[in-house]
PDB file of all heavy atoms in Angstrom:
ATOM      1  N   PHE A   1     -55.677  56.372  95.132  1.00  0.00           N
ATOM      2  CA  PHE A   1     -54.702  57.147  94.391  1.00  0.00           C
ATOM      3  C   PHE A   1     -53.572  57.448  95.373  1.00  0.00           C
ATOM      4  O   PHE A   1     -53.809  57.601  96.615  1.00  0.00           O
ATOM      5  CB  PHE A   1     -55.182  58.477  93.916  1.00  0.00           C
ATOM      6  CG  PHE A   1     -56.199  58.404  92.765  1.00  0.00           C
ATOM      7  CD1 PHE A   1     -57.522  58.057  93.079  1.00  0.00           C
ATOM      8  CD2 PHE A   1     -55.809  58.553  91.395  1.00  0.00           C
ATOM      9  CE1 PHE A   1     -58.447  57.976  91.991  1.00  0.00           C
ATOM     10  CE2 PHE A   1     -56.722  58.466  90.400  1.00  0.00           C
ATOM     11  CZ  PHE A   1     -58.066  58.139  90.675  1.00  0.00           C
ATOM     12  N   THR A   2     -52.280  57.527  94.961  1.00  0.00           N
ATOM     13  CA  THR A   2     -51.181  57.838  95.760  1.00  0.00           C
ATOM     14  C   THR A   2     -50.035  58.333  94.929  1.00  0.00           C
ATOM     15  O   THR A   2     -50.059  58.266  93.617  1.00  0.00           O
ATOM     16  CB  THR A   2     -50.733  56.589  96.557  1.00  0.00           C
ATOM     17  OG1 THR A   2     -49.733  56.947  97.484  1.00  0.00           O
ATOM     18  CG2 THR A   2     -50.118  55.540  95.575  1.00  0.00           C
ATOM     19  N   ASN A   3     -48.998  58.851  95.533  1.00  0.00           N
ATOM     20  CA  ASN A   3     -47.795  59.173  94.928  1.00  0.00           C
ATOM     21  C   ASN A   3     -46.625  58.279  95.572  1.00  0.00           C
ATOM     22  O   ASN A   3     -45.422  58.507  95.331  1.00  0.00           O
ATOM     23  CB  ASN A   3     -47.392  60.628  95.087  1.00  0.00           C
ATOM     24  CG  ASN A   3     -47.256  61.134  96.488  1.00  0.00           C
ATOM     25  OD1 ASN A   3     -47.593  60.382  97.415  1.00  0.00           O
ATOM     26  ND2 ASN A   3     -46.941  62.294  96.670  1.00  0.00           N
ATOM     27  N   ASP A   4     -47.004  57.239  96.343  1.00  0.00           N
ATOM     28  CA  ASP A   4     -46.067  56.378  97.015  1.00  0.00           C
ATOM     29  C   ASP A   4     -45.984  55.046  96.203  1.00  0.00           C
ATOM     30  O   ASP A   4     -46.858  54.087  96.326  1.00  0.00           O
ATOM     31  CB  ASP A   4     -46.664  56.107  98.442  1.00  0.00           C
ATOM     32  CG  ASP A   4     -45.710  55.264  99.301  1.00  0.00           C
ATOM     33  OD1 ASP A   4     -44.830  54.621  98.657  1.00  0.00           O
ATOM     34  OD2 ASP A   4     -45.850  55.259 100.480  1.00  0.00           O
ATOM     35  N   THR A   5     -45.036  55.030  95.309  1.00  0.00           N
ATOM     36  CA  THR A   5     -44.921  53.915  94.377  1.00  0.00           C
ATOM     37  C   THR A   5     -44.707  52.538  95.025  1.00  0.00           C
ATOM     38  O   THR A   5     -45.394  51.547  94.765  1.00  0.00           O
ATOM     39  CB  THR A   5     -43.773  54.151  93.361  1.00  0.00           C
ATOM     40  OG1 THR A   5     -44.074  55.351  92.636  1.00  0.00           O
ATOM     41  CG2 THR A   5     -43.627  52.970  92.364  1.00  0.00           C
ATOM     42  N   PRO A   6     -43.841  52.406  96.028  1.00  0.00           N
ATOM     43  CA  PRO A   6     -43.663  51.130  96.707  1.00  0.00           C
ATOM     44  C   PRO A   6     -44.963  50.684  97.394  1.00  0.00           C
ATOM     45  O   PRO A   6     -45.275  49.426  97.322  1.00  0.00           O
ATOM     46  CB  PRO A   6     -42.595  51.358  97.724  1.00  0.00           C
ATOM     47  CG  PRO A   6     -41.733  52.519  97.125  1.00  0.00           C
ATOM     48  CD  PRO A   6     -42.770  53.372  96.494  1.00  0.00           C
ATOM     49  N   TRP A   7     -45.659  51.584  98.029  1.00  0.00           N
ATOM     50  CA  TRP A   7     -46.963  51.282  98.682  1.00  0.00           C
ATOM     51  C   TRP A   7     -47.935  50.700  97.664  1.00  0.00           C
ATOM     52  O   TRP A   7     -48.583  49.644  97.819  1.00  0.00           O
ATOM     53  CB  TRP A   7     -47.486  52.424  99.389  1.00  0.00           C
ATOM     54  CG  TRP A   7     -48.759  52.240 100.176  1.00  0.00           C
ATOM     55  CD1 TRP A   7     -48.810  51.762 101.421  1.00  0.00           C
ATOM     56  CD2 TRP A   7     -50.059  52.692  99.834  1.00  0.00           C
ATOM     57  NE1 TRP A   7     -50.089  51.745 101.877  1.00  0.00           N
ATOM     58  CE2 TRP A   7     -50.931  52.351 100.895  1.00  0.00           C
ATOM     59  CE3 TRP A   7     -50.592  53.290  98.687  1.00  0.00           C
ATOM     60  CZ2 TRP A   7     -52.253  52.579 100.932  1.00  0.00           C
ATOM     61  CZ3 TRP A   7     -51.929  53.468  98.672  1.00  0.00           C
ATOM     62  CH2 TRP A   7     -52.787  53.153  99.712  1.00  0.00           C
ATOM     63  N   ALA A   8     -48.085  51.399  96.507  1.00  0.00           N
ATOM     64  CA  ALA A   8     -49.000  51.044  95.491  1.00  0.00           C
ATOM     65  C   ALA A   8     -48.628  49.625  94.900  1.00  0.00           C
ATOM     66  O   ALA A   8     -49.486  48.710  94.663  1.00  0.00           O
ATOM     67  CB  ALA A   8     -49.062  52.050  94.402  1.00  0.00           C
ATOM     68  N   ASN A   9     -47.310  49.383  94.626  1.00  0.00           N
ATOM     69  CA  ASN A   9     -46.858  48.148  94.114  1.00  0.00           C
ATOM     70  C   ASN A   9     -47.109  46.983  95.027  1.00  0.00           C
ATOM     71  O   ASN A   9     -47.538  45.879  94.622  1.00  0.00           O
ATOM     72  CB  ASN A   9     -45.411  48.198  93.758  1.00  0.00           C
ATOM     73  CG  ASN A   9     -45.058  49.115  92.572  1.00  0.00           C
ATOM     74  OD1 ASN A   9     -45.989  49.510  91.815  1.00  0.00           O
ATOM     75  ND2 ASN A   9     -43.862  49.513  92.497  1.00  0.00           N
ATOM     76  N   ALA A  10     -46.957  47.230  96.308  1.00  0.00           N
ATOM     77  CA  ALA A  10     -47.187  46.186  97.335  1.00  0.00           C
ATOM     78  C   ALA A  10     -48.710  45.846  97.380  1.00  0.00           C
ATOM     79  O   ALA A  10     -49.087  44.678  97.474  1.00  0.00           O
ATOM     80  CB  ALA A  10     -46.756  46.652  98.724  1.00  0.00           C
ATOM     81  N   LEU A  11     -49.595  46.762  97.272  1.00  0.00           N
ATOM     82  CA  LEU A  11     -51.042  46.564  97.355  1.00  0.00           C
ATOM     83  C   LEU A  11     -51.520  45.783  96.054  1.00  0.00           C
ATOM     84  O   LEU A  11     -52.435  44.974  96.181  1.00  0.00           O
ATOM     85  CB  LEU A  11     -51.837  47.841  97.459  1.00  0.00           C
ATOM     86  CG  LEU A  11     -51.624  48.625  98.759  1.00  0.00           C
ATOM     87  CD1 LEU A  11     -52.678  49.743  98.836  1.00  0.00           C
ATOM     88  CD2 LEU A  11     -51.869  47.694  99.996  1.00  0.00           C
ATOM     89  N   THR A  12     -50.972  46.154  94.949  1.00  0.00           N
ATOM     90  CA  THR A  12     -51.371  45.468  93.703  1.00  0.00           C
ATOM     91  C   THR A  12     -50.674  44.165  93.360  1.00  0.00           C
ATOM     92  O   THR A  12     -51.160  43.425  92.483  1.00  0.00           O
ATOM     93  CB  THR A  12     -51.271  46.486  92.509  1.00  0.00           C
ATOM     94  OG1 THR A  12     -49.902  46.913  92.442  1.00  0.00           O
ATOM     95  CG2 THR A  12     -52.211  47.605  92.656  1.00  0.00           C
ATOM     96  N   ASP A  13     -49.612  43.862  94.120  1.00  0.00           N
ATOM     97  CA  ASP A  13     -48.871  42.613  93.885  1.00  0.00           C
ATOM     98  C   ASP A  13     -49.847  41.400  94.221  1.00  0.00           C
ATOM     99  O   ASP A  13     -50.357  41.350  95.296  1.00  0.00           O
ATOM    100  CB  ASP A  13     -47.639  42.545  94.797  1.00  0.00           C
ATOM    101  CG  ASP A  13     -46.755  41.386  94.550  1.00  0.00           C
ATOM    102  OD1 ASP A  13     -47.251  40.436  93.878  1.00  0.00           O
ATOM    103  OD2 ASP A  13     -45.697  41.355  95.053  1.00  0.00           O
ATOM    104  N   PRO A  14     -50.021  40.516  93.286  1.00  0.00           N
ATOM    105  CA  PRO A  14     -50.930  39.315  93.564  1.00  0.00           C
ATOM    106  C   PRO A  14     -50.518  38.569  94.775  1.00  0.00           C
ATOM    107  O   PRO A  14     -51.298  37.917  95.417  1.00  0.00           O
ATOM    108  CB  PRO A  14     -50.799  38.517  92.307  1.00  0.00           C
ATOM    109  CG  PRO A  14     -50.437  39.516  91.186  1.00  0.00           C
ATOM    110  CD  PRO A  14     -49.582  40.507  91.868  1.00  0.00           C
ATOM    111  N   ALA A  15     -49.191  38.584  95.051  1.00  0.00           N
ATOM    112  CA  ALA A  15     -48.644  37.871  96.190  1.00  0.00           C
ATOM    113  C   ALA A  15     -49.234  38.341  97.568  1.00  0.00           C
ATOM    114  O   ALA A  15     -49.238  37.641  98.568  1.00  0.00           O
ATOM    115  CB  ALA A  15     -47.138  37.912  96.280  1.00  0.00           C
ATOM    116  N   SER A  16     -49.653  39.640  97.578  1.00  0.00           N
ATOM    117  CA  SER A  16     -50.185  40.186  98.828  1.00  0.00           C
ATOM    118  C   SER A  16     -51.541  39.579  99.184  1.00  0.00           C
ATOM    119  O   SER A  16     -51.996  39.570 100.366  1.00  0.00           O
ATOM    120  CB  SER A  16     -50.382  41.732  98.706  1.00  0.00           C
ATOM    121  OG  SER A  16     -51.507  42.011  97.832  1.00  0.00           O
ATOM    122  N   LYS A  17     -52.282  38.993  98.122  1.00  0.00           N
ATOM    123  CA  LYS A  17     -53.593  38.473  98.378  1.00  0.00           C
ATOM    124  C   LYS A  17     -54.562  39.347  99.187  1.00  0.00           C
ATOM    125  O   LYS A  17     -55.385  38.889  99.874  1.00  0.00           O
ATOM    126  CB  LYS A  17     -53.452  37.043  99.085  1.00  0.00           C
ATOM    127  CG  LYS A  17     -52.627  36.113  98.322  1.00  0.00           C
ATOM    128  CD  LYS A  17     -52.525  34.774  99.044  1.00  0.00           C
ATOM    129  CE  LYS A  17     -51.705  33.747  98.154  1.00  0.00           C
ATOM    130  NZ  LYS A  17     -51.680  32.465  98.873  1.00  0.00           N
ATOM    131  N   LEU A  18     -54.448  40.628  98.962  1.00  0.00           N
ATOM    132  CA  LEU A  18     -55.346  41.595  99.557  1.00  0.00           C
ATOM    133  C   LEU A  18     -56.638  41.498  99.023  1.00  0.00           C
ATOM    134  O   LEU A  18     -56.792  41.662  97.775  1.00  0.00           O
ATOM    135  CB  LEU A  18     -54.744  43.087  99.416  1.00  0.00           C
ATOM    136  CG  LEU A  18     -55.406  44.151 100.248  1.00  0.00           C
ATOM    137  CD1 LEU A  18     -55.079  43.974 101.738  1.00  0.00           C
ATOM    138  CD2 LEU A  18     -54.908  45.511  99.777  1.00  0.00           C
ATOM    139  N   PRO A  19     -57.726  41.218  99.781  1.00  0.00           N
ATOM    140  CA  PRO A  19     -59.081  41.055  99.126  1.00  0.00           C
ATOM    141  C   PRO A  19     -59.731  42.376  98.725  1.00  0.00           C
ATOM    142  O   PRO A  19     -59.571  43.404  99.369  1.00  0.00           O
ATOM    143  CB  PRO A  19     -59.844  40.437 100.286  1.00  0.00           C
ATOM    144  CG  PRO A  19     -59.225  40.931 101.571  1.00  0.00           C
ATOM    145  CD  PRO A  19     -57.763  40.961 101.248  1.00  0.00           C
ATOM    146  N   LYS A  20     -60.373  42.253  97.532  1.00  0.00           N
ATOM    147  CA  LYS A  20     -61.150  43.364  96.959  1.00  0.00           C
ATOM    148  C   LYS A  20     -62.572  42.882  96.859  1.00  0.00           C
ATOM    149  O   LYS A  20     -62.853  41.773  96.226  1.00  0.00           O
ATOM    150  CB  LYS A  20     -60.603  43.851  95.701  1.00  0.00           C
ATOM    151  CG  LYS A  20     -59.174  44.402  95.812  1.00  0.00           C
ATOM    152  CD  LYS A  20     -58.565  44.769  94.480  1.00  0.00           C
ATOM    153  CE  LYS A  20     -57.960  43.473  93.843  1.00  0.00           C
ATOM    154  NZ  LYS A  20     -56.794  42.970  94.463  1.00  0.00           N
ATOM    155  N   VAL A  21     -63.513  43.631  97.362  1.00  0.00           N
ATOM    156  CA  VAL A  21     -64.892  43.182  97.511  1.00  0.00           C
ATOM    157  C   VAL A  21     -65.806  44.013  96.626  1.00  0.00           C
ATOM    158  O   VAL A  21     -65.666  45.293  96.574  1.00  0.00           O
ATOM    159  CB  VAL A  21     -65.361  43.272  98.975  1.00  0.00           C
ATOM    160  CG1 VAL A  21     -66.852  42.744  99.049  1.00  0.00           C
ATOM    161  CG2 VAL A  21     -64.421  42.454  99.932  1.00  0.00           C
ATOM    162  N   TYR A  22     -66.697  43.277  95.906  1.00  0.00           N
ATOM    163  CA  TYR A  22     -67.537  43.965  94.890  1.00  0.00           C
ATOM    164  C   TYR A  22     -69.008  43.500  95.074  1.00  0.00           C
ATOM    165  O   TYR A  22     -69.225  42.357  95.504  1.00  0.00           O
ATOM    166  CB  TYR A  22     -67.105  43.517  93.467  1.00  0.00           C
ATOM    167  CG  TYR A  22     -65.702  43.938  93.169  1.00  0.00           C
ATOM    168  CD1 TYR A  22     -64.626  43.052  93.652  1.00  0.00           C
ATOM    169  CD2 TYR A  22     -65.410  44.994  92.333  1.00  0.00           C
ATOM    170  CE1 TYR A  22     -63.327  43.322  93.262  1.00  0.00           C
ATOM    171  CE2 TYR A  22     -64.096  45.215  91.960  1.00  0.00           C
ATOM    172  CZ  TYR A  22     -63.016  44.493  92.503  1.00  0.00           C
ATOM    173  OH  TYR A  22     -61.716  44.703  92.139  1.00  0.00           O
ATOM    174  N   GLU A  23     -69.916  44.404  94.660  1.00  0.00           N
ATOM    175  CA  GLU A  23     -71.324  43.953  94.465  1.00  0.00           C
ATOM    176  C   GLU A  23     -71.552  43.938  92.982  1.00  0.00           C
ATOM    177  O   GLU A  23     -71.321  44.857  92.244  1.00  0.00           O
ATOM    178  CB  GLU A  23     -72.236  45.020  95.140  1.00  0.00           C
ATOM    179  CG  GLU A  23     -72.171  44.966  96.669  1.00  0.00           C
ATOM    180  CD  GLU A  23     -73.155  45.918  97.284  1.00  0.00           C
ATOM    181  OE1 GLU A  23     -73.964  46.590  96.548  1.00  0.00           O
ATOM    182  OE2 GLU A  23     -73.179  45.960  98.498  1.00  0.00           O
ATOM    183  N   LEU A  24     -72.093  42.770  92.548  1.00  0.00           N
ATOM    184  CA  LEU A  24     -72.381  42.559  91.131  1.00  0.00           C
ATOM    185  C   LEU A  24     -73.914  42.399  90.908  1.00  0.00           C
ATOM    186  O   LEU A  24     -74.460  41.441  91.524  1.00  0.00           O
ATOM    187  CB  LEU A  24     -71.583  41.353  90.647  1.00  0.00           C
ATOM    188  CG  LEU A  24     -70.164  41.200  90.940  1.00  0.00           C
ATOM    189  CD1 LEU A  24     -69.625  39.860  90.353  1.00  0.00           C
ATOM    190  CD2 LEU A  24     -69.396  42.318  90.324  1.00  0.00           C
ATOM    191  N   ARG A  25     -74.457  43.189  90.012  1.00  0.00           N
ATOM    192  CA  ARG A  25     -75.848  42.954  89.563  1.00  0.00           C
ATOM    193  C   ARG A  25     -75.791  42.099  88.359  1.00  0.00           C
ATOM    194  O   ARG A  25     -75.178  42.539  87.305  1.00  0.00           O
ATOM    195  CB  ARG A  25     -76.547  44.263  89.438  1.00  0.00           C
ATOM    196  CG  ARG A  25     -78.089  44.091  89.255  1.00  0.00           C
ATOM    197  CD  ARG A  25     -78.816  45.416  89.213  1.00  0.00           C
ATOM    198  NE  ARG A  25     -78.555  46.196  90.432  1.00  0.00           N
ATOM    199  CZ  ARG A  25     -79.089  45.942  91.620  1.00  0.00           C
ATOM    200  NH1 ARG A  25     -79.980  44.921  91.725  1.00  0.00           N
ATOM    201  NH2 ARG A  25     -78.775  46.678  92.643  1.00  0.00           N
ATOM    202  N   LEU A  26     -76.393  40.987  88.285  1.00  0.00           N
ATOM    203  CA  LEU A  26     -76.371  39.980  87.148  1.00  0.00           C
ATOM    204  C   LEU A  26     -77.618  40.101  86.381  1.00  0.00           C
ATOM    205  O   LEU A  26     -78.645  40.599  86.852  1.00  0.00           O
ATOM    206  CB  LEU A  26     -76.104  38.579  87.710  1.00  0.00           C
ATOM    207  CG  LEU A  26     -74.914  38.414  88.585  1.00  0.00           C
ATOM    208  CD1 LEU A  26     -74.801  36.984  89.133  1.00  0.00           C
ATOM    209  CD2 LEU A  26     -73.592  38.775  87.854  1.00  0.00           C
ATOM    210  N   ASP A  27     -77.601  39.540  85.164  1.00  0.00           N
ATOM    211  CA  ASP A  27     -78.765  39.478  84.344  1.00  0.00           C
ATOM    212  C   ASP A  27     -79.702  38.449  84.746  1.00  0.00           C
ATOM    213  O   ASP A  27     -80.925  38.509  84.313  1.00  0.00           O
ATOM    214  CB  ASP A  27     -78.337  39.274  82.915  1.00  0.00           C
ATOM    215  CG  ASP A  27     -77.536  37.944  82.627  1.00  0.00           C
ATOM    216  OD1 ASP A  27     -76.999  37.409  83.631  1.00  0.00           O
ATOM    217  OD2 ASP A  27     -77.635  37.405  81.536  1.00  0.00           O
ATOM    218  N   ARG A  28     -79.360  37.494  85.627  1.00  0.00           N
ATOM    219  CA  ARG A  28     -80.324  36.505  86.155  1.00  0.00           C
ATOM    220  C   ARG A  28     -79.718  35.938  87.432  1.00  0.00           C
ATOM    221  O   ARG A  28     -78.533  36.165  87.688  1.00  0.00           O
ATOM    222  CB  ARG A  28     -80.570  35.416  85.156  1.00  0.00           C
ATOM    223  CG  ARG A  28     -79.250  34.655  84.667  1.00  0.00           C
ATOM    224  CD  ARG A  28     -79.582  33.771  83.419  1.00  0.00           C
ATOM    225  NE  ARG A  28     -78.377  33.170  82.900  1.00  0.00           N
ATOM    226  CZ  ARG A  28     -77.855  32.002  83.343  1.00  0.00           C
ATOM    227  NH1 ARG A  28     -78.533  31.257  84.264  1.00  0.00           N
ATOM    228  NH2 ARG A  28     -76.730  31.539  82.775  1.00  0.00           N
ATOM    229  N   GLU A  29     -80.473  35.252  88.133  1.00  0.00           N
ATOM    230  CA  GLU A  29     -80.058  34.628  89.477  1.00  0.00           C
ATOM    231  C   GLU A  29     -79.026  33.543  89.166  1.00  0.00           C
ATOM    232  O   GLU A  29     -79.142  32.684  88.302  1.00  0.00           O
ATOM    233  CB  GLU A  29     -81.308  33.953  90.123  1.00  0.00           C
ATOM    234  CG  GLU A  29     -81.006  33.623  91.574  1.00  0.00           C
ATOM    235  CD  GLU A  29     -81.061  34.889  92.443  1.00  0.00           C
ATOM    236  OE1 GLU A  29     -81.909  35.741  92.251  1.00  0.00           O
ATOM    237  OE2 GLU A  29     -80.197  34.903  93.359  1.00  0.00           O
ATOM    238  N   ILE A  30     -77.919  33.643  89.933  1.00  0.00           N
ATOM    239  CA  ILE A  30     -76.896  32.660  89.767  1.00  0.00           C
ATOM    240  C   ILE A  30     -77.178  31.338  90.510  1.00  0.00           C
ATOM    241  O   ILE A  30     -77.791  31.390  91.622  1.00  0.00           O
ATOM    242  CB  ILE A  30     -75.487  33.192  90.300  1.00  0.00           C
ATOM    243  CG1 ILE A  30     -74.367  32.294  89.937  1.00  0.00           C
ATOM    244  CG2 ILE A  30     -75.540  33.506  91.848  1.00  0.00           C
ATOM    245  CD1 ILE A  30     -72.980  32.863  90.126  1.00  0.00           C
ATOM    246  N   THR A  31     -76.912  30.230  89.912  1.00  0.00           N
ATOM    247  CA  THR A  31     -77.240  28.970  90.530  1.00  0.00           C
ATOM    248  C   THR A  31     -76.238  28.503  91.501  1.00  0.00           C
ATOM    249  O   THR A  31     -75.083  28.992  91.564  1.00  0.00           O
ATOM    250  CB  THR A  31     -77.311  27.837  89.458  1.00  0.00           C
ATOM    251  OG1 THR A  31     -76.021  27.598  88.887  1.00  0.00           O
ATOM    252  CG2 THR A  31     -78.280  28.213  88.314  1.00  0.00           C
ATOM    253  N   ASP A  32     -76.661  27.603  92.465  1.00  0.00           N
ATOM    254  CA  ASP A  32     -75.673  27.097  93.425  1.00  0.00           C
ATOM    255  C   ASP A  32     -74.496  26.411  92.808  1.00  0.00           C
ATOM    256  O   ASP A  32     -73.313  26.645  93.256  1.00  0.00           O
ATOM    257  CB  ASP A  32     -76.461  26.112  94.340  1.00  0.00           C
ATOM    258  CG  ASP A  32     -77.356  26.826  95.256  1.00  0.00           C
ATOM    259  OD1 ASP A  32     -77.250  28.034  95.470  1.00  0.00           O
ATOM    260  OD2 ASP A  32     -78.278  26.163  95.882  1.00  0.00           O
ATOM    261  N   PRO A  33     -74.652  25.575  91.765  1.00  0.00           N
ATOM    262  CA  PRO A  33     -73.458  24.938  91.148  1.00  0.00           C
ATOM    263  C   PRO A  33     -72.493  25.984  90.547  1.00  0.00           C
ATOM    264  O   PRO A  33     -71.279  25.838  90.652  1.00  0.00           O
ATOM    265  CB  PRO A  33     -74.055  24.133  90.036  1.00  0.00           C
ATOM    266  CG  PRO A  33     -75.409  23.746  90.547  1.00  0.00           C
ATOM    267  CD  PRO A  33     -75.873  24.961  91.246  1.00  0.00           C
ATOM    268  N   ASP A  34     -73.063  27.082  89.945  1.00  0.00           N
ATOM    269  CA  ASP A  34     -72.175  28.081  89.411  1.00  0.00           C
ATOM    270  C   ASP A  34     -71.445  28.882  90.517  1.00  0.00           C
ATOM    271  O   ASP A  34     -70.291  29.349  90.263  1.00  0.00           O
ATOM    272  CB  ASP A  34     -72.996  28.999  88.477  1.00  0.00           C
ATOM    273  CG  ASP A  34     -73.352  28.358  87.161  1.00  0.00           C
ATOM    274  OD1 ASP A  34     -72.597  27.474  86.733  1.00  0.00           O
ATOM    275  OD2 ASP A  34     -74.261  28.860  86.444  1.00  0.00           O
ATOM    276  N   MET A  35     -72.137  29.023  91.647  1.00  0.00           N
ATOM    277  CA  MET A  35     -71.382  29.706  92.803  1.00  0.00           C
ATOM    278  C   MET A  35     -70.253  28.856  93.207  1.00  0.00           C
ATOM    279  O   MET A  35     -69.159  29.351  93.549  1.00  0.00           O
ATOM    280  CB  MET A  35     -72.391  29.990  93.861  1.00  0.00           C
ATOM    281  CG  MET A  35     -73.358  31.103  93.542  1.00  0.00           C
ATOM    282  SD  MET A  35     -74.594  31.373  94.898  1.00  0.00           S
ATOM    283  CE  MET A  35     -73.506  32.145  96.107  1.00  0.00           C
ATOM    284  N   GLU A  36     -70.409  27.503  93.247  1.00  0.00           N
ATOM    285  CA  GLU A  36     -69.335  26.639  93.626  1.00  0.00           C
ATOM    286  C   GLU A  36     -68.104  26.667  92.644  1.00  0.00           C
ATOM    287  O   GLU A  36     -67.021  26.669  92.955  1.00  0.00           O
ATOM    288  CB  GLU A  36     -69.891  25.232  93.784  1.00  0.00           C
ATOM    289  CG  GLU A  36     -70.696  25.011  95.045  1.00  0.00           C
ATOM    290  CD  GLU A  36     -69.935  25.414  96.261  1.00  0.00           C
ATOM    291  OE1 GLU A  36     -68.745  25.104  96.484  1.00  0.00           O
ATOM    292  OE2 GLU A  36     -70.526  26.173  97.065  1.00  0.00           O
ATOM    293  N   ARG A  37     -68.530  26.712  91.344  1.00  0.00           N
ATOM    294  CA  ARG A  37     -67.480  26.919  90.273  1.00  0.00           C
ATOM    295  C   ARG A  37     -66.740  28.214  90.428  1.00  0.00           C
ATOM    296  O   ARG A  37     -65.503  28.240  90.301  1.00  0.00           O
ATOM    297  CB  ARG A  37     -68.137  26.844  88.912  1.00  0.00           C
ATOM    298  CG  ARG A  37     -68.741  25.489  88.508  1.00  0.00           C
ATOM    299  CD  ARG A  37     -69.426  25.548  87.157  1.00  0.00           C
ATOM    300  NE  ARG A  37     -68.583  25.993  86.092  1.00  0.00           N
ATOM    301  CZ  ARG A  37     -69.003  26.348  84.870  1.00  0.00           C
ATOM    302  NH1 ARG A  37     -70.304  26.466  84.646  1.00  0.00           N
ATOM    303  NH2 ARG A  37     -68.122  26.694  83.978  1.00  0.00           N
ATOM    304  N   PHE A  38     -67.455  29.271  90.778  1.00  0.00           N
ATOM    305  CA  PHE A  38     -66.774  30.589  91.023  1.00  0.00           C
ATOM    306  C   PHE A  38     -65.837  30.541  92.137  1.00  0.00           C
ATOM    307  O   PHE A  38     -64.748  30.976  92.107  1.00  0.00           O
ATOM    308  CB  PHE A  38     -67.874  31.613  91.283  1.00  0.00           C
ATOM    309  CG  PHE A  38     -67.377  33.037  91.395  1.00  0.00           C
ATOM    310  CD1 PHE A  38     -67.423  33.906  90.317  1.00  0.00           C
ATOM    311  CD2 PHE A  38     -66.934  33.574  92.598  1.00  0.00           C
ATOM    312  CE1 PHE A  38     -66.937  35.194  90.376  1.00  0.00           C
ATOM    313  CE2 PHE A  38     -66.478  34.793  92.735  1.00  0.00           C
ATOM    314  CZ  PHE A  38     -66.455  35.609  91.644  1.00  0.00           C
ATOM    315  N   ARG A  39     -66.254  29.782  93.251  1.00  0.00           N
ATOM    316  CA  ARG A  39     -65.353  29.727  94.421  1.00  0.00           C
ATOM    317  C   ARG A  39     -64.118  28.945  94.224  1.00  0.00           C
ATOM    318  O   ARG A  39     -63.085  29.152  94.826  1.00  0.00           O
ATOM    319  CB  ARG A  39     -66.195  29.089  95.599  1.00  0.00           C
ATOM    320  CG  ARG A  39     -67.382  29.988  96.146  1.00  0.00           C
ATOM    321  CD  ARG A  39     -68.057  29.258  97.326  1.00  0.00           C
ATOM    322  NE  ARG A  39     -69.133  30.110  97.819  1.00  0.00           N
ATOM    323  CZ  ARG A  39     -70.434  29.781  97.718  1.00  0.00           C
ATOM    324  NH1 ARG A  39     -70.839  28.625  97.177  1.00  0.00           N
ATOM    325  NH2 ARG A  39     -71.338  30.605  98.268  1.00  0.00           N
ATOM    326  N   SER A  40     -64.234  27.947  93.236  1.00  0.00           N
ATOM    327  CA  SER A  40     -63.093  27.081  93.001  1.00  0.00           C
ATOM    328  C   SER A  40     -62.108  27.747  92.065  1.00  0.00           C
ATOM    329  O   SER A  40     -60.995  27.242  91.887  1.00  0.00           O
ATOM    330  CB  SER A  40     -63.576  25.744  92.386  1.00  0.00           C
ATOM    331  OG  SER A  40     -64.432  25.090  93.359  1.00  0.00           O
ATOM    332  N   GLY A  41     -62.409  28.798  91.326  1.00  0.00           N
ATOM    333  CA  GLY A  41     -61.622  29.328  90.323  1.00  0.00           C
ATOM    334  C   GLY A  41     -62.204  29.102  88.942  1.00  0.00           C
ATOM    335  O   GLY A  41     -62.744  27.987  88.662  1.00  0.00           O
ATOM    336  N   VAL A  42     -62.101  30.022  88.033  1.00  0.00           N
ATOM    337  CA  VAL A  42     -62.781  29.970  86.740  1.00  0.00           C
ATOM    338  C   VAL A  42     -61.653  30.080  85.686  1.00  0.00           C
ATOM    339  O   VAL A  42     -60.742  30.915  85.706  1.00  0.00           O
ATOM    340  CB  VAL A  42     -63.783  31.057  86.552  1.00  0.00           C
ATOM    341  CG1 VAL A  42     -64.394  31.078  85.129  1.00  0.00           C
ATOM    342  CG2 VAL A  42     -64.925  30.935  87.667  1.00  0.00           C
ATOM    343  N   THR A  43     -61.867  29.228  84.572  1.00  0.00           N
ATOM    344  CA  THR A  43     -60.956  29.436  83.428  1.00  0.00           C
ATOM    345  C   THR A  43     -61.459  30.489  82.504  1.00  0.00           C
ATOM    346  O   THR A  43     -62.675  30.410  82.105  1.00  0.00           O
ATOM    347  CB  THR A  43     -60.918  28.091  82.687  1.00  0.00           C
ATOM    348  OG1 THR A  43     -60.417  27.084  83.453  1.00  0.00           O
ATOM    349  CG2 THR A  43     -59.948  28.179  81.391  1.00  0.00           C
ATOM    350  N   LEU A  44     -60.661  31.494  82.257  1.00  0.00           N
ATOM    351  CA  LEU A  44     -61.081  32.693  81.506  1.00  0.00           C
ATOM    352  C   LEU A  44     -60.923  32.445  79.983  1.00  0.00           C
ATOM    353  O   LEU A  44     -60.372  31.430  79.545  1.00  0.00           O
ATOM    354  CB  LEU A  44     -60.290  33.956  81.899  1.00  0.00           C
ATOM    355  CG  LEU A  44     -60.370  34.269  83.424  1.00  0.00           C
ATOM    356  CD1 LEU A  44     -59.506  35.457  83.749  1.00  0.00           C
ATOM    357  CD2 LEU A  44     -61.843  34.525  83.817  1.00  0.00           C
ATOM    358  N   ASP A  45     -61.335  33.445  79.235  1.00  0.00           N
ATOM    359  CA  ASP A  45     -61.339  33.315  77.845  1.00  0.00           C
ATOM    360  C   ASP A  45     -59.907  33.289  77.190  1.00  0.00           C
ATOM    361  O   ASP A  45     -59.740  32.765  76.103  1.00  0.00           O
ATOM    362  CB  ASP A  45     -62.027  34.502  77.100  1.00  0.00           C
ATOM    363  CG  ASP A  45     -61.650  35.885  77.710  1.00  0.00           C
ATOM    364  OD1 ASP A  45     -60.662  35.924  78.507  1.00  0.00           O
ATOM    365  OD2 ASP A  45     -62.384  36.839  77.517  1.00  0.00           O
ATOM    366  N   ASP A  46     -58.882  33.654  77.981  1.00  0.00           N
ATOM    367  CA  ASP A  46     -57.482  33.589  77.495  1.00  0.00           C
ATOM    368  C   ASP A  46     -56.837  32.294  77.953  1.00  0.00           C
ATOM    369  O   ASP A  46     -55.622  32.042  77.755  1.00  0.00           O
ATOM    370  CB  ASP A  46     -56.703  34.788  77.982  1.00  0.00           C
ATOM    371  CG  ASP A  46     -56.583  34.908  79.488  1.00  0.00           C
ATOM    372  OD1 ASP A  46     -57.183  34.045  80.189  1.00  0.00           O
ATOM    373  OD2 ASP A  46     -55.984  35.870  79.912  1.00  0.00           O
ATOM    374  N   GLY A  47     -57.621  31.355  78.591  1.00  0.00           N
ATOM    375  CA  GLY A  47     -57.090  30.106  79.032  1.00  0.00           C
ATOM    376  C   GLY A  47     -56.486  30.173  80.485  1.00  0.00           C
ATOM    377  O   GLY A  47     -56.204  29.070  81.087  1.00  0.00           O
TER     378      GLY A  47
END
């Protein structure tokens, strides 16, 4: 959270490519091929 609008905009700008790291608990073990698909980029439900 902040009150610094330029700072916030810079952090959320996709051009900054600032990494955000998450831990995801899945319903089943992810396969190696699906991990490779994830790494390459995924086509979402909106195309």
